[in-house]
Amino acid sequence: MNPRPAPPPELAGRWLSKFFIDHLAGERAASPKTISSYRDAMKLLLTWFRDAEHIPPEKLRLADIDRPRVLRFLHWLEAERNCSAASRNQRLAVIKSFCRYTAVEQPDHLDQVTQILAIRQKKTPAPQRGHLTGDEVKTLLAEPGTANTRAVRDTVLLALAYDSAARVQELCDLDVADIRRASPMIVVIHGKGSKIRYVPVMDPTAQLVADYLEHRDRHPGLGADADPLFPGPNHSRLTRSGVAKLLARYVRAVRTRDPGWAPGLPVTPHTLRRTRTMHLIDAGVNLIYIRDLLGHANVSTTEIYARADAEAKRKAIENAYEPLTPDALPDWTLDSSL
């Protein structure tokens, strides 16, 4: 039997397979979530080539992925799919990563790749840096209550989200085995880049978590290392959108009862992470410790939070203030000789 002939070297499909299997999974040991994100971006590109350029995926060549087409694809993302500038920039970054890989493997396409790499990312608006006060957090965490099993789960979820300052995906990924019920309690968080960090849980939250573990319904077919700490329907794992929806439900309930609660602040799962960070900064905790708590690779990322708090800056300026400004000048309109 004759061996199957190798696909022509100019077909993009061949290099896409090598990019995902050999480069991302093999050389870079990228996490499954990173590979999934890259896959979704390239899937959109293949869909656009099929529908807009009438080039099916199996016939797409490396030469077809040029600067003009990539620019039209990016415009399509914003105009037709209503993607934000941040989403557009993420898709562009994935395409550039693939192009850098093919430039090494197929150097005859280097000029074409260089033109794609020269595409600039769009500027994105600075994200809002608002956060909740201590009283606002207390009100929000008390909203789910303990009337039923789901309410208890949501109370523990929101309390742990604030206390650990974990990302929403990190909360979704937690298993029962990730809670170390010693004293003090430790939660093992699996963060970005397959990095693991150990976060201490404060006593009030630790008591909530311990009570929750004692009374939650265990899945009979799963071990503690595969049993989601916060299960959804049918004991499936909660998703990021699921956490965002339940948080939005409790925020609406709080604002219905108290319209003055956190006025004008969009409250998302990341708001709880940012709120915990700002409270630690206000308490004078060293940025190095906060960096480790948040799982940042560099303390410069953590410094963004320190620059964001206008109230902390006002207090620092007041503490160092020396009154040198002259007293208020007399009202000249009272001087009848003028």
C-alpha atoms as a PDB file:
ATOM      1  CA  MET A   1       0.000   0.000   0.000  1.00  0.00           C
ATOM      2  CA  ASN A   2       1.385   3.351  -1.020  1.00  0.00           C
ATOM      3  CA  PRO A   3       1.733   5.893   1.829  1.00  0.00           C
ATOM      4  CA  ARG A   4      -0.661   8.813   1.831  1.00  0.00           C
ATOM      5  CA  PRO A   5       0.964  11.762   0.031  1.00  0.00           C
ATOM      6  CA  ALA A   6       1.899  14.725   2.189  1.00  0.00           C
ATOM      7  CA  PRO A   7      -0.246  17.835   1.722  1.00  0.00           C
ATOM      8  CA  PRO A   8       1.289  20.622  -0.350  1.00  0.00           C
ATOM      9  CA  PRO A   9       3.566  22.778   1.817  1.00  0.00           C
ATOM     10  CA  GLU A  10       1.727  25.982   0.937  1.00  0.00           C
ATOM     11  CA  LEU A  11      -1.601  24.873   2.431  1.00  0.00           C
ATOM     12  CA  ALA A  12      -2.372  26.743   5.661  1.00  0.00           C
ATOM     13  CA  GLY A  13      -4.171  23.747   7.197  1.00  0.00           C
ATOM     14  CA  ARG A  14      -0.925  21.804   7.464  1.00  0.00           C
ATOM     15  CA  TRP A  15       0.772  24.628   9.356  1.00  0.00           C
ATOM     16  CA  LEU A  16      -2.235  25.276  11.539  1.00  0.00           C
ATOM     17  CA  SER A  17      -2.092  21.679  12.754  1.00  0.00           C
ATOM     18  CA  LYS A  18       1.638  21.968  13.461  1.00  0.00           C
ATOM     19  CA  PHE A  19       1.095  25.340  15.144  1.00  0.00           C
ATOM     20  CA  PHE A  20      -1.445  23.927  17.608  1.00  0.00           C
ATOM     21  CA  ILE A  21       0.086  20.489  18.207  1.00  0.00           C
ATOM     22  CA  ASP A  22       3.834  20.992  17.885  1.00  0.00           C
ATOM     23  CA  HIS A  23       4.229  24.646  18.832  1.00  0.00           C
ATOM     24  CA  LEU A  24       1.509  25.574  21.347  1.00  0.00           C
ATOM     25  CA  ALA A  25       0.965  22.211  23.039  1.00  0.00           C
ATOM     26  CA  GLY A  26       4.507  20.881  22.525  1.00  0.00           C
ATOM     27  CA  GLU A  27       7.115  23.642  22.595  1.00  0.00           C
ATOM     28  CA  ARG A  28       5.244  26.200  24.693  1.00  0.00           C
ATOM     29  CA  ALA A  29       3.225  23.763  26.835  1.00  0.00           C
ATOM     30  CA  ALA A  30       0.325  26.208  26.660  1.00  0.00           C
ATOM     31  CA  SER A  31      -2.656  25.562  28.895  1.00  0.00           C
ATOM     32  CA  PRO A  32      -5.841  24.050  27.431  1.00  0.00           C
ATOM     33  CA  LYS A  33      -7.606  27.395  27.910  1.00  0.00           C
ATOM     34  CA  THR A  34      -4.923  29.230  25.922  1.00  0.00           C
ATOM     35  CA  ILE A  35      -5.117  26.678  23.126  1.00  0.00           C
ATOM     36  CA  SER A  36      -8.914  26.953  23.145  1.00  0.00           C
ATOM     37  CA  SER A  37      -8.721  30.746  22.883  1.00  0.00           C
ATOM     38  CA  TYR A  38      -6.280  30.520  19.964  1.00  0.00           C
ATOM     39  CA  ARG A  39      -8.473  27.896  18.310  1.00  0.00           C
ATOM     40  CA  ASP A  40     -11.553  30.118  18.503  1.00  0.00           C
ATOM     41  CA  ALA A  41      -9.683  33.040  16.931  1.00  0.00           C
ATOM     42  CA  MET A  42      -8.371  30.942  14.024  1.00  0.00           C
ATOM     43  CA  LYS A  43     -11.805  29.367  13.567  1.00  0.00           C
ATOM     44  CA  LEU A  44     -13.234  32.857  13.014  1.00  0.00           C
ATOM     45  CA  LEU A  45     -10.498  33.593  10.478  1.00  0.00           C
ATOM     46  CA  LEU A  46     -11.249  30.384   8.557  1.00  0.00           C
ATOM     47  CA  THR A  47     -14.968  31.179   8.641  1.00  0.00           C
ATOM     48  CA  TRP A  48     -14.334  34.642   7.233  1.00  0.00           C
ATOM     49  CA  PHE A  49     -12.164  33.283   4.418  1.00  0.00           C
ATOM     50  CA  ARG A  50     -14.899  30.771   3.560  1.00  0.00           C
ATOM     51  CA  ASP A  51     -17.790  33.240   3.580  1.00  0.00           C
ATOM     52  CA  ALA A  52     -16.191  36.508   2.478  1.00  0.00           C
ATOM     53  CA  GLU A  53     -13.347  35.335   0.214  1.00  0.00           C
ATOM     54  CA  HIS A  54     -14.966  32.060  -0.910  1.00  0.00           C
ATOM     55  CA  ILE A  55     -11.847  30.101   0.026  1.00  0.00           C
ATOM     56  CA  PRO A  56     -12.750  26.889   1.877  1.00  0.00           C
ATOM     57  CA  PRO A  57     -10.503  25.923   4.822  1.00  0.00           C
ATOM     58  CA  GLU A  58      -9.024  22.894   3.024  1.00  0.00           C
ATOM     59  CA  LYS A  59      -7.842  25.107   0.119  1.00  0.00           C
ATOM     60  CA  LEU A  60      -6.549  28.054   2.136  1.00  0.00           C
ATOM     61  CA  ARG A  61      -2.873  28.776   1.419  1.00  0.00           C
ATOM     62  CA  LEU A  62      -0.354  30.663   3.510  1.00  0.00           C
ATOM     63  CA  ALA A  63      -0.105  33.182   0.668  1.00  0.00           C
ATOM     64  CA  ASP A  64      -3.802  33.964   1.117  1.00  0.00           C
ATOM     65  CA  ILE A  65      -3.217  35.259   4.659  1.00  0.00           C
ATOM     66  CA  ASP A  66      -1.853  38.674   3.712  1.00  0.00           C
ATOM     67  CA  ARG A  67      -2.106  42.164   5.183  1.00  0.00           C
ATOM     68  CA  PRO A  68      -5.107  43.439   3.140  1.00  0.00           C
ATOM     69  CA  ARG A  69      -7.175  40.362   3.974  1.00  0.00           C
ATOM     70  CA  VAL A  70      -6.257  40.444   7.644  1.00  0.00           C
ATOM     71  CA  LEU A  71      -7.303  44.102   7.796  1.00  0.00           C
ATOM     72  CA  ARG A  72     -10.630  43.272   6.142  1.00  0.00           C
ATOM     73  CA  PHE A  73     -11.106  40.423   8.622  1.00  0.00           C
ATOM     74  CA  LEU A  74     -10.498  42.763  11.560  1.00  0.00           C
ATOM     75  CA  HIS A  75     -12.989  45.256  10.135  1.00  0.00           C
ATOM     76  CA  TRP A  76     -15.516  42.423   9.740  1.00  0.00           C
ATOM     77  CA  LEU A  77     -15.095  41.518  13.411  1.00  0.00           C
ATOM     78  CA  GLU A  78     -16.048  45.022  14.514  1.00  0.00           C
ATOM     79  CA  ALA A  79     -18.654  45.852  11.855  1.00  0.00           C
ATOM     80  CA  GLU A  80     -20.470  42.527  11.467  1.00  0.00           C
ATOM     81  CA  ARG A  81     -19.874  40.728  14.775  1.00  0.00           C
ATOM     82  CA  ASN A  82     -19.871  43.893  16.927  1.00  0.00           C
ATOM     83  CA  CYS A  83     -16.622  42.887  18.631  1.00  0.00           C
ATOM     84  CA  SER A  84     -14.961  45.420  20.896  1.00  0.00           C
ATOM     85  CA  ALA A  85     -11.536  46.859  20.184  1.00  0.00           C
ATOM     86  CA  ALA A  86     -10.110  44.587  22.897  1.00  0.00           C
ATOM     87  CA  SER A  87     -11.550  41.472  21.203  1.00  0.00           C
ATOM     88  CA  ARG A  88     -10.250  42.679  17.856  1.00  0.00           C
ATOM     89  CA  ASN A  89      -6.780  43.133  19.352  1.00  0.00           C
ATOM     90  CA  GLN A  90      -6.863  39.612  20.851  1.00  0.00           C
ATOM     91  CA  ARG A  91      -7.723  38.053  17.469  1.00  0.00           C
ATOM     92  CA  LEU A  92      -4.939  40.048  15.842  1.00  0.00           C
ATOM     93  CA  ALA A  93      -2.439  38.856  18.458  1.00  0.00           C
ATOM     94  CA  VAL A  94      -3.324  35.224  17.682  1.00  0.00           C
ATOM     95  CA  ILE A  95      -2.877  35.779  13.937  1.00  0.00           C
ATOM     96  CA  LYS A  96       0.487  37.429  14.555  1.00  0.00           C
ATOM     97  CA  SER A  97       1.582  34.491  16.719  1.00  0.00           C
ATOM     98  CA  PHE A  98       0.698  32.067  13.925  1.00  0.00           C
ATOM     99  CA  CYS A  99       2.494  34.236  11.368  1.00  0.00           C
ATOM    100  CA  ARG A 100       5.662  34.358  13.477  1.00  0.00           C
ATOM    101  CA  TYR A 101       5.626  30.581  13.634  1.00  0.00           C
ATOM    102  CA  THR A 102       5.186  30.167   9.874  1.00  0.00           C
ATOM    103  CA  ALA A 103       7.888  32.776   9.194  1.00  0.00           C
ATOM    104  CA  VAL A 104      10.465  30.465  10.779  1.00  0.00           C
ATOM    105  CA  GLU A 105       9.128  27.338   9.094  1.00  0.00           C
ATOM    106  CA  GLN A 106       8.497  28.996   5.714  1.00  0.00           C
ATOM    107  CA  PRO A 107      10.967  31.894   5.401  1.00  0.00           C
ATOM    108  CA  ASP A 108       9.956  32.544   1.793  1.00  0.00           C
ATOM    109  CA  HIS A 109       6.810  34.172   3.254  1.00  0.00           C
ATOM    110  CA  LEU A 110       8.801  36.485   5.527  1.00  0.00           C
ATOM    111  CA  ASP A 111       7.970  39.692   3.649  1.00  0.00           C
ATOM    112  CA  GLN A 112       4.250  38.905   3.788  1.00  0.00           C
ATOM    113  CA  VAL A 113       4.498  38.056   7.496  1.00  0.00           C
ATOM    114  CA  THR A 114       6.374  41.280   8.235  1.00  0.00           C
ATOM    115  CA  GLN A 115       3.546  43.314   6.740  1.00  0.00           C
ATOM    116  CA  ILE A 116       1.001  41.542   8.962  1.00  0.00           C
ATOM    117  CA  LEU A 117       3.157  42.024  12.071  1.00  0.00           C
ATOM    118  CA  ALA A 118       3.198  45.764  11.306  1.00  0.00           C
ATOM    119  CA  ILE A 119      -0.588  46.038  11.812  1.00  0.00           C
ATOM    120  CA  ARG A 120      -1.168  48.222  14.851  1.00  0.00           C
ATOM    121  CA  GLN A 121      -3.476  47.354  17.697  1.00  0.00           C
ATOM    122  CA  LYS A 122      -6.341  49.730  18.368  1.00  0.00           C
ATOM    123  CA  LYS A 123      -6.355  51.837  21.481  1.00  0.00           C
ATOM    124  CA  THR A 124      -8.911  50.701  24.029  1.00  0.00           C
ATOM    125  CA  PRO A 125     -10.581  52.895  26.644  1.00  0.00           C
ATOM    126  CA  ALA A 126      -9.126  52.662  30.118  1.00  0.00           C
ATOM    127  CA  PRO A 127     -11.221  50.330  32.264  1.00  0.00           C
ATOM    128  CA  GLN A 128     -13.150  51.725  35.194  1.00  0.00           C
ATOM    129  CA  ARG A 129     -11.238  51.301  38.449  1.00  0.00           C
ATOM    130  CA  GLY A 130     -14.124  51.773  40.847  1.00  0.00           C
ATOM    131  CA  HIS A 131     -14.584  49.465  43.811  1.00  0.00           C
ATOM    132  CA  LEU A 132     -17.029  48.795  46.622  1.00  0.00           C
ATOM    133  CA  THR A 133     -16.753  50.108  50.140  1.00  0.00           C
ATOM    134  CA  GLY A 134     -16.604  47.765  53.101  1.00  0.00           C
ATOM    135  CA  ASP A 135     -20.258  48.353  53.969  1.00  0.00           C
ATOM    136  CA  GLU A 136     -21.302  47.760  50.355  1.00  0.00           C
ATOM    137  CA  VAL A 137     -19.430  44.447  50.293  1.00  0.00           C
ATOM    138  CA  LYS A 138     -21.075  43.410  53.554  1.00  0.00           C
ATOM    139  CA  THR A 139     -24.521  44.170  52.136  1.00  0.00           C
ATOM    140  CA  LEU A 140     -23.833  42.243  48.927  1.00  0.00           C
ATOM    141  CA  LEU A 141     -22.447  39.149  50.669  1.00  0.00           C
ATOM    142  CA  ALA A 142     -25.484  38.990  52.925  1.00  0.00           C
ATOM    143  CA  GLU A 143     -27.949  39.136  50.012  1.00  0.00           C
ATOM    144  CA  PRO A 144     -28.018  35.422  48.959  1.00  0.00           C
ATOM    145  CA  GLY A 145     -28.878  34.286  52.490  1.00  0.00           C
ATOM    146  CA  THR A 146     -29.132  30.655  53.580  1.00  0.00           C
ATOM    147  CA  ALA A 147     -32.732  29.740  52.679  1.00  0.00           C
ATOM    148  CA  ASN A 148     -31.763  26.815  50.426  1.00  0.00           C
ATOM    149  CA  THR A 149     -28.773  24.904  49.074  1.00  0.00           C
ATOM    150  CA  ARG A 150     -28.226  27.221  46.133  1.00  0.00           C
ATOM    151  CA  ALA A 151     -28.375  30.307  48.335  1.00  0.00           C
ATOM    152  CA  VAL A 152     -25.725  28.842  50.653  1.00  0.00           C
ATOM    153  CA  ARG A 153     -23.538  28.009  47.658  1.00  0.00           C
ATOM    154  CA  ASP A 154     -23.841  31.563  46.339  1.00  0.00           C
ATOM    155  CA  THR A 155     -23.056  33.071  49.744  1.00  0.00           C
ATOM    156  CA  VAL A 156     -19.869  31.013  50.031  1.00  0.00           C
ATOM    157  CA  LEU A 157     -18.952  31.711  46.397  1.00  0.00           C
ATOM    158  CA  LEU A 158     -19.204  35.494  46.768  1.00  0.00           C
ATOM    159  CA  ALA A 159     -17.461  35.485  50.147  1.00  0.00           C
ATOM    160  CA  LEU A 160     -14.563  33.414  48.819  1.00  0.00           C
ATOM    161  CA  ALA A 161     -14.382  35.525  45.651  1.00  0.00           C
ATOM    162  CA  TYR A 162     -13.845  38.633  47.778  1.00  0.00           C
ATOM    163  CA  ASP A 163     -11.631  37.046  50.421  1.00  0.00           C
ATOM    164  CA  SER A 164      -9.261  35.286  48.004  1.00  0.00           C
ATOM    165  CA  ALA A 165      -9.381  37.958  45.250  1.00  0.00           C
ATOM    166  CA  ALA A 166      -9.454  35.082  42.757  1.00  0.00           C
ATOM    167  CA  ARG A 167     -10.282  35.490  39.087  1.00  0.00           C
ATOM    168  CA  VAL A 168     -13.724  34.221  38.129  1.00  0.00           C
ATOM    169  CA  GLN A 169     -12.303  31.335  36.065  1.00  0.00           C
ATOM    170  CA  GLU A 170     -10.103  30.346  39.001  1.00  0.00           C
ATOM    171  CA  LEU A 171     -13.215  30.131  41.188  1.00  0.00           C
ATOM    172  CA  CYS A 172     -14.986  27.982  38.601  1.00  0.00           C
ATOM    173  CA  ASP A 173     -11.982  25.638  38.444  1.00  0.00           C
ATOM    174  CA  LEU A 174     -11.854  25.028  42.210  1.00  0.00           C
ATOM    175  CA  ASP A 175     -12.412  21.450  43.365  1.00  0.00           C
ATOM    176  CA  VAL A 176     -13.219  20.234  46.861  1.00  0.00           C
ATOM    177  CA  ALA A 177      -9.632  18.984  47.147  1.00  0.00           C
ATOM    178  CA  ASP A 178      -8.352  22.546  46.637  1.00  0.00           C
ATOM    179  CA  ILE A 179      -9.616  23.516  50.112  1.00  0.00           C
ATOM    180  CA  ARG A 180      -7.091  22.617  52.813  1.00  0.00           C
ATOM    181  CA  ARG A 181      -9.112  22.551  56.009  1.00  0.00           C
ATOM    182  CA  ALA A 182      -6.248  23.133  58.404  1.00  0.00           C
ATOM    183  CA  SER A 183      -5.905  26.163  60.636  1.00  0.00           C
ATOM    184  CA  PRO A 184      -5.571  28.587  58.967  1.00  0.00           C
ATOM    185  CA  MET A 185      -7.574  27.368  55.972  1.00  0.00           C
ATOM    186  CA  ILE A 186      -5.760  27.499  52.628  1.00  0.00           C
ATOM    187  CA  VAL A 187      -7.295  27.554  49.141  1.00  0.00           C
ATOM    188  CA  VAL A 188      -5.126  26.238  46.309  1.00  0.00           C
ATOM    189  CA  ILE A 189      -5.759  28.381  43.227  1.00  0.00           C
ATOM    190  CA  HIS A 190      -4.749  27.225  39.761  1.00  0.00           C
ATOM    191  CA  GLY A 191      -4.009  30.471  37.930  1.00  0.00           C
ATOM    192  CA  LYS A 192      -2.887  31.636  34.543  1.00  0.00           C
ATOM    193  CA  GLY A 193       0.035  29.870  32.920  1.00  0.00           C
ATOM    194  CA  SER A 194      -0.495  26.740  35.038  1.00  0.00           C
ATOM    195  CA  LYS A 195       0.779  28.648  38.076  1.00  0.00           C
ATOM    196  CA  ILE A 196      -0.427  27.548  41.503  1.00  0.00           C
ATOM    197  CA  ARG A 197      -0.719  29.861  44.484  1.00  0.00           C
ATOM    198  CA  TYR A 198      -1.759  29.204  48.063  1.00  0.00           C
ATOM    199  CA  VAL A 199      -4.103  31.820  49.503  1.00  0.00           C
ATOM    200  CA  PRO A 200      -5.011  31.936  53.213  1.00  0.00           C
ATOM    201  CA  VAL A 201      -8.714  32.269  53.978  1.00  0.00           C
ATOM    202  CA  MET A 202      -9.746  34.582  56.801  1.00  0.00           C
ATOM    203  CA  ASP A 203     -11.596  33.003  59.754  1.00  0.00           C
ATOM    204  CA  PRO A 204     -15.167  34.217  59.022  1.00  0.00           C
ATOM    205  CA  THR A 205     -14.956  33.027  55.417  1.00  0.00           C
ATOM    206  CA  ALA A 206     -13.191  29.829  56.503  1.00  0.00           C
ATOM    207  CA  GLN A 207     -16.106  29.040  58.808  1.00  0.00           C
ATOM    208  CA  LEU A 208     -18.567  29.565  55.960  1.00  0.00           C
ATOM    209  CA  VAL A 209     -16.562  27.282  53.675  1.00  0.00           C
ATOM    210  CA  ALA A 210     -16.199  24.589  56.350  1.00  0.00           C
ATOM    211  CA  ASP A 211     -19.953  24.568  57.056  1.00  0.00           C
ATOM    212  CA  TYR A 212     -20.665  24.486  53.333  1.00  0.00           C
ATOM    213  CA  LEU A 213     -18.396  21.463  52.826  1.00  0.00           C
ATOM    214  CA  GLU A 214     -20.067  19.634  55.697  1.00  0.00           C
ATOM    215  CA  HIS A 215     -23.576  19.993  54.301  1.00  0.00           C
ATOM    216  CA  ARG A 216     -23.155  20.167  50.495  1.00  0.00           C
ATOM    217  CA  ASP A 217     -24.388  17.318  48.319  1.00  0.00           C
ATOM    218  CA  ARG A 218     -21.417  15.208  47.286  1.00  0.00           C
ATOM    219  CA  HIS A 219     -21.266  13.638  43.852  1.00  0.00           C
ATOM    220  CA  PRO A 220     -21.120   9.864  44.449  1.00  0.00           C
ATOM    221  CA  GLY A 221     -19.102   9.167  41.328  1.00  0.00           C
ATOM    222  CA  LEU A 222     -16.391  11.781  41.727  1.00  0.00           C
ATOM    223  CA  GLY A 223     -13.368  12.045  43.973  1.00  0.00           C
ATOM    224  CA  ALA A 224     -12.514  15.236  45.828  1.00  0.00           C
ATOM    225  CA  ASP A 225      -9.931  16.115  43.160  1.00  0.00           C
ATOM    226  CA  ALA A 226     -12.603  16.204  40.438  1.00  0.00           C
ATOM    227  CA  ASP A 227     -15.676  17.311  42.413  1.00  0.00           C
ATOM    228  CA  PRO A 228     -16.422  21.011  41.652  1.00  0.00           C
ATOM    229  CA  LEU A 229     -16.484  23.133  44.781  1.00  0.00           C
ATOM    230  CA  PHE A 230     -19.266  25.239  43.272  1.00  0.00           C
ATOM    231  CA  PRO A 231     -21.430  22.934  41.138  1.00  0.00           C
ATOM    232  CA  GLY A 232     -24.083  24.104  38.735  1.00  0.00           C
ATOM    233  CA  PRO A 233     -27.101  22.190  37.371  1.00  0.00           C
ATOM    234  CA  ASN A 234     -26.730  18.400  37.456  1.00  0.00           C
ATOM    235  CA  HIS A 235     -23.476  18.819  39.364  1.00  0.00           C
ATOM    236  CA  SER A 236     -21.760  20.354  36.348  1.00  0.00           C
ATOM    237  CA  ARG A 237     -19.076  22.978  36.887  1.00  0.00           C
ATOM    238  CA  LEU A 238     -20.202  26.595  37.094  1.00  0.00           C
ATOM    239  CA  THR A 239     -19.048  28.747  34.182  1.00  0.00           C
ATOM    240  CA  ARG A 240     -17.839  32.336  34.132  1.00  0.00           C
ATOM    241  CA  SER A 241     -21.110  33.493  32.600  1.00  0.00           C
ATOM    242  CA  GLY A 242     -23.005  31.565  35.277  1.00  0.00           C
ATOM    243  CA  VAL A 243     -21.108  33.335  38.064  1.00  0.00           C
ATOM    244  CA  ALA A 244     -21.646  36.702  36.358  1.00  0.00           C
ATOM    245  CA  LYS A 245     -25.390  36.058  36.081  1.00  0.00           C
ATOM    246  CA  LEU A 246     -25.852  35.066  39.712  1.00  0.00           C
ATOM    247  CA  LEU A 247     -23.838  38.071  40.871  1.00  0.00           C
ATOM    248  CA  ALA A 248     -25.904  40.382  38.637  1.00  0.00           C
ATOM    249  CA  ARG A 249     -29.089  38.938  40.146  1.00  0.00           C
ATOM    250  CA  TYR A 250     -27.988  39.782  43.693  1.00  0.00           C
ATOM    251  CA  VAL A 251     -26.758  43.230  42.659  1.00  0.00           C
ATOM    252  CA  ARG A 252     -30.178  43.987  41.157  1.00  0.00           C
ATOM    253  CA  ALA A 253     -31.870  42.806  44.343  1.00  0.00           C
ATOM    254  CA  VAL A 254     -29.676  45.030  46.519  1.00  0.00           C
ATOM    255  CA  ARG A 255     -30.223  48.087  44.301  1.00  0.00           C
ATOM    256  CA  THR A 256     -33.969  47.510  44.203  1.00  0.00           C
ATOM    257  CA  ARG A 257     -34.037  47.687  47.971  1.00  0.00           C
ATOM    258  CA  ASP A 258     -31.417  50.470  48.221  1.00  0.00           C
ATOM    259  CA  PRO A 259     -31.039  52.610  45.061  1.00  0.00           C
ATOM    260  CA  GLY A 260     -28.080  54.427  46.643  1.00  0.00           C
ATOM    261  CA  TRP A 261     -25.965  51.275  46.880  1.00  0.00           C
ATOM    262  CA  ALA A 262     -22.723  51.635  44.821  1.00  0.00           C
ATOM    263  CA  PRO A 263     -24.253  54.265  42.491  1.00  0.00           C
ATOM    264  CA  GLY A 264     -22.994  54.177  38.902  1.00  0.00           C
ATOM    265  CA  LEU A 265     -20.561  51.308  39.487  1.00  0.00           C
ATOM    266  CA  PRO A 266     -20.834  48.258  37.193  1.00  0.00           C
ATOM    267  CA  VAL A 267     -20.424  45.332  39.615  1.00  0.00           C
ATOM    268  CA  THR A 268     -18.885  42.252  37.988  1.00  0.00           C
ATOM    269  CA  PRO A 269     -16.915  39.310  39.420  1.00  0.00           C
ATOM    270  CA  HIS A 270     -13.727  41.267  38.729  1.00  0.00           C
ATOM    271  CA  THR A 271     -15.103  44.127  40.849  1.00  0.00           C
ATOM    272  CA  LEU A 272     -14.852  41.878  43.917  1.00  0.00           C
ATOM    273  CA  ARG A 273     -11.224  41.073  43.063  1.00  0.00           C
ATOM    274  CA  ARG A 274     -10.423  44.756  42.588  1.00  0.00           C
ATOM    275  CA  THR A 275     -12.313  45.696  45.768  1.00  0.00           C
ATOM    276  CA  ARG A 276     -10.302  43.248  47.873  1.00  0.00           C
ATOM    277  CA  THR A 277      -7.095  44.625  46.376  1.00  0.00           C
ATOM    278  CA  MET A 278      -8.024  48.220  47.141  1.00  0.00           C
ATOM    279  CA  HIS A 279      -8.992  47.371  50.717  1.00  0.00           C
ATOM    280  CA  LEU A 280      -5.594  45.724  51.237  1.00  0.00           C
ATOM    281  CA  ILE A 281      -3.818  48.749  49.752  1.00  0.00           C
ATOM    282  CA  ASP A 282      -5.804  51.088  52.018  1.00  0.00           C
ATOM    283  CA  ALA A 283      -4.733  48.941  54.984  1.00  0.00           C
ATOM    284  CA  GLY A 284      -1.065  49.480  54.082  1.00  0.00           C
ATOM    285  CA  VAL A 285      -0.293  45.905  52.971  1.00  0.00           C
ATOM    286  CA  ASN A 286       2.951  45.640  50.993  1.00  0.00           C
ATOM    287  CA  LEU A 287       2.436  45.437  47.210  1.00  0.00           C
ATOM    288  CA  ILE A 288       4.657  42.348  47.046  1.00  0.00           C
ATOM    289  CA  TYR A 289       2.189  40.413  49.201  1.00  0.00           C
ATOM    290  CA  ILE A 290      -0.746  41.720  47.181  1.00  0.00           C
ATOM    291  CA  ARG A 291       1.011  40.688  43.963  1.00  0.00           C
ATOM    292  CA  ASP A 292       1.340  37.126  45.267  1.00  0.00           C
ATOM    293  CA  LEU A 293      -2.297  37.100  46.382  1.00  0.00           C
ATOM    294  CA  LEU A 294      -3.507  38.208  42.943  1.00  0.00           C
ATOM    295  CA  GLY A 295      -1.164  35.921  41.019  1.00  0.00           C
ATOM    296  CA  HIS A 296       0.437  38.722  39.015  1.00  0.00           C
ATOM    297  CA  ALA A 297       3.691  37.907  37.263  1.00  0.00           C
ATOM    298  CA  ASN A 298       5.053  41.401  37.845  1.00  0.00           C
ATOM    299  CA  VAL A 299       4.473  43.923  40.614  1.00  0.00           C
ATOM    300  CA  SER A 300       4.027  46.643  37.976  1.00  0.00           C
ATOM    301  CA  THR A 301       0.633  45.111  37.192  1.00  0.00           C
ATOM    302  CA  THR A 302      -0.313  45.370  40.858  1.00  0.00           C
ATOM    303  CA  GLU A 303       0.794  49.012  40.944  1.00  0.00           C
ATOM    304  CA  ILE A 304      -2.105  49.855  38.619  1.00  0.00           C
ATOM    305  CA  TYR A 305      -4.435  49.367  41.555  1.00  0.00           C
ATOM    306  CA  ALA A 306      -2.337  51.573  43.780  1.00  0.00           C
ATOM    307  CA  ARG A 307      -2.491  54.394  41.228  1.00  0.00           C
ATOM    308  CA  ALA A 308      -6.241  54.032  40.845  1.00  0.00           C
ATOM    309  CA  ASP A 309      -7.422  54.983  44.323  1.00  0.00           C
ATOM    310  CA  ALA A 310      -8.061  58.717  44.471  1.00  0.00           C
ATOM    311  CA  GLU A 311      -9.227  58.526  48.090  1.00  0.00           C
ATOM    312  CA  ALA A 312      -5.933  56.957  49.217  1.00  0.00           C
ATOM    313  CA  LYS A 313      -4.007  59.683  47.385  1.00  0.00           C
ATOM    314  CA  ARG A 314      -6.132  62.385  49.021  1.00  0.00           C
ATOM    315  CA  LYS A 315      -5.478  60.964  52.499  1.00  0.00           C
ATOM    316  CA  ALA A 316      -1.734  60.708  51.846  1.00  0.00           C
ATOM    317  CA  ILE A 317      -1.593  64.320  50.631  1.00  0.00           C
ATOM    318  CA  GLU A 318      -3.588  65.525  53.645  1.00  0.00           C
ATOM    319  CA  ASN A 319      -1.225  63.745  56.046  1.00  0.00           C
ATOM    320  CA  ALA A 320       1.776  65.460  54.442  1.00  0.00           C
ATOM    321  CA  TYR A 321       0.070  68.822  53.971  1.00  0.00           C
ATOM    322  CA  GLU A 322       1.580  71.966  55.479  1.00  0.00           C
ATOM    323  CA  PRO A 323      -0.757  75.004  55.362  1.00  0.00           C
ATOM    324  CA  LEU A 324       1.140  77.631  53.329  1.00  0.00           C
ATOM    325  CA  THR A 325      -1.726  79.052  51.305  1.00  0.00           C
ATOM    326  CA  PRO A 326      -2.617  82.639  52.350  1.00  0.00           C
ATOM    327  CA  ASP A 327      -5.856  83.301  54.173  1.00  0.00           C
ATOM    328  CA  ALA A 328      -8.935  84.198  52.174  1.00  0.00           C
ATOM    329  CA  LEU A 329      -8.674  87.714  50.754  1.00  0.00           C
ATOM    330  CA  PRO A 330     -11.161  90.341  51.984  1.00  0.00           C
ATOM    331  CA  ASP A 331     -14.176  91.064  49.802  1.00  0.00           C
ATOM    332  CA  TRP A 332     -13.137  94.122  47.786  1.00  0.00           C
ATOM    333  CA  THR A 333     -16.770  95.046  47.085  1.00  0.00           C
ATOM    334  CA  LEU A 334     -17.135  96.015  50.740  1.00  0.00           C
ATOM    335  CA  ASP A 335     -14.449  98.706  50.426  1.00  0.00           C
ATOM    336  CA  SER A 336     -16.380 101.927  49.708  1.00  0.00           C
ATOM    337  CA  SER A 337     -13.186 103.871  48.851  1.00  0.00           C
ATOM    338  CA  LEU A 338     -12.577 101.849  45.680  1.00  0.00           C
END
